[in-house]
Amino acid sequence: MKMHIKEFAKLTGVSVRTLHYYDEIGLLKPAFVDGNSGYRYYDEASLLRMQEILFYRELDFPLKSIGAILSSP
């Protein structure tokens, strides 16, 4: 299941701008970027990672720490 960035933003309650920022800092990369249009698409794995990000954000962890936590084994 692929979701366009707008659908993904609506589903997760995060703005499109935030998703662009998360992509920029490497916290949440889109599953696929259309080479012609540049549109970002997200999948189920992206959704699971976003749930983890939102969990740690709720606990007031800074984004840098969340990235470190999610990238550690």
C-alpha atoms as a PDB file:
ATOM      1  CA  MET A   1       0.000   0.000   0.000  1.00  0.00           C
ATOM      2  CA  LYS A   2       1.510   3.306  -1.093  1.00  0.00           C
ATOM      3  CA  MET A   3       0.191   6.607   0.184  1.00  0.00           C
ATOM      4  CA  HIS A   4       0.815  10.031  -1.252  1.00  0.00           C
ATOM      5  CA  ILE A   5       2.367  12.435   1.231  1.00  0.00           C
ATOM      6  CA  LYS A   6      -0.919  14.286   1.745  1.00  0.00           C
ATOM      7  CA  GLU A   7      -2.760  11.050   2.604  1.00  0.00           C
ATOM      8  CA  PHE A   8       0.039  10.011   4.945  1.00  0.00           C
ATOM      9  CA  ALA A   9       0.002  13.393   6.671  1.00  0.00           C
ATOM     10  CA  LYS A  10      -3.756  13.225   7.198  1.00  0.00           C
ATOM     11  CA  LEU A  11      -3.571   9.665   8.521  1.00  0.00           C
ATOM     12  CA  THR A  12      -0.793  10.427  11.011  1.00  0.00           C
ATOM     13  CA  GLY A  13      -1.895  13.913  12.025  1.00  0.00           C
ATOM     14  CA  VAL A  14       1.449  15.407  10.991  1.00  0.00           C
ATOM     15  CA  SER A  15       1.748  18.260   8.509  1.00  0.00           C
ATOM     16  CA  VAL A  16       3.221  17.830   5.049  1.00  0.00           C
ATOM     17  CA  ARG A  17       5.813  20.424   6.014  1.00  0.00           C
ATOM     18  CA  THR A  18       6.866  18.282   8.987  1.00  0.00           C
ATOM     19  CA  LEU A  19       7.202  15.242   6.731  1.00  0.00           C
ATOM     20  CA  HIS A  20       9.420  17.252   4.386  1.00  0.00           C
ATOM     21  CA  TYR A  21      11.551  18.264   7.373  1.00  0.00           C
ATOM     22  CA  TYR A  22      11.789  14.695   8.678  1.00  0.00           C
ATOM     23  CA  ASP A  23      12.952  13.636   5.216  1.00  0.00           C
ATOM     24  CA  GLU A  24      15.499  16.465   5.143  1.00  0.00           C
ATOM     25  CA  ILE A  25      17.052  15.461   8.477  1.00  0.00           C
ATOM     26  CA  GLY A  26      16.873  11.730   7.686  1.00  0.00           C
ATOM     27  CA  LEU A  27      14.409  10.832  10.426  1.00  0.00           C
ATOM     28  CA  LEU A  28      11.704   9.498   8.101  1.00  0.00           C
ATOM     29  CA  LYS A  29      12.503   8.962   4.454  1.00  0.00           C
ATOM     30  CA  PRO A  30       9.685   8.291   1.999  1.00  0.00           C
ATOM     31  CA  ALA A  31       9.410   4.748   0.684  1.00  0.00           C
ATOM     32  CA  PHE A  32       9.467   6.026  -2.895  1.00  0.00           C
ATOM     33  CA  VAL A  33       9.996   9.341  -4.662  1.00  0.00           C
ATOM     34  CA  ASP A  34       8.607   9.677  -8.179  1.00  0.00           C
ATOM     35  CA  GLY A  35      11.493  10.723 -10.397  1.00  0.00           C
ATOM     36  CA  ASN A  36       9.279  12.656 -12.799  1.00  0.00           C
ATOM     37  CA  SER A  37       7.041  14.557 -10.413  1.00  0.00           C
ATOM     38  CA  GLY A  38       9.112  14.495  -7.216  1.00  0.00           C
ATOM     39  CA  TYR A  39       6.066  13.303  -5.240  1.00  0.00           C
ATOM     40  CA  ARG A  40       6.851  11.421  -2.063  1.00  0.00           C
ATOM     41  CA  TYR A  41       5.055   8.172  -1.255  1.00  0.00           C
ATOM     42  CA  TYR A  42       4.938   6.338   2.051  1.00  0.00           C
ATOM     43  CA  ASP A  43       4.165   2.708   2.889  1.00  0.00           C
ATOM     44  CA  GLU A  44       3.307   0.558   5.908  1.00  0.00           C
ATOM     45  CA  ALA A  45       6.914   0.492   7.134  1.00  0.00           C
ATOM     46  CA  SER A  46       6.889   4.303   7.052  1.00  0.00           C
ATOM     47  CA  LEU A  47       3.697   4.279   9.088  1.00  0.00           C
ATOM     48  CA  LEU A  48       5.251   2.052  11.758  1.00  0.00           C
ATOM     49  CA  ARG A  49       8.308   4.292  11.987  1.00  0.00           C
ATOM     50  CA  MET A  50       6.086   7.361  12.239  1.00  0.00           C
ATOM     51  CA  GLN A  51       4.218   5.748  15.129  1.00  0.00           C
ATOM     52  CA  GLU A  52       7.533   5.292  16.927  1.00  0.00           C
ATOM     53  CA  ILE A  53       8.526   8.893  16.214  1.00  0.00           C
ATOM     54  CA  LEU A  54       5.202  10.169  17.525  1.00  0.00           C
ATOM     55  CA  PHE A  55       5.557   8.023  20.646  1.00  0.00           C
ATOM     56  CA  TYR A  56       8.935   9.535  21.498  1.00  0.00           C
ATOM     57  CA  ARG A  57       7.754  13.048  20.582  1.00  0.00           C
ATOM     58  CA  GLU A  58       4.907  12.602  23.067  1.00  0.00           C
ATOM     59  CA  LEU A  59       7.553  11.868  25.705  1.00  0.00           C
ATOM     60  CA  ASP A  60       9.332  15.130  24.736  1.00  0.00           C
ATOM     61  CA  PHE A  61      12.437  13.517  23.268  1.00  0.00           C
ATOM     62  CA  PRO A  62      14.311  15.819  20.860  1.00  0.00           C
ATOM     63  CA  LEU A  63      14.372  14.756  17.208  1.00  0.00           C
ATOM     64  CA  LYS A  64      18.115  14.090  17.321  1.00  0.00           C
ATOM     65  CA  SER A  65      17.648  11.632  20.190  1.00  0.00           C
ATOM     66  CA  ILE A  66      14.716   9.954  18.449  1.00  0.00           C
ATOM     67  CA  GLY A  67      16.863   9.416  15.364  1.00  0.00           C
ATOM     68  CA  ALA A  68      19.598   7.858  17.503  1.00  0.00           C
ATOM     69  CA  ILE A  69      17.138   5.603  19.329  1.00  0.00           C
ATOM     70  CA  LEU A  70      15.458   4.389  16.152  1.00  0.00           C
ATOM     71  CA  SER A  71      18.747   3.704  14.378  1.00  0.00           C
ATOM     72  CA  SER A  72      20.260   1.700  17.255  1.00  0.00           C
ATOM     73  CA  PRO A  73      19.827  -2.088  17.283  1.00  0.00           C
END
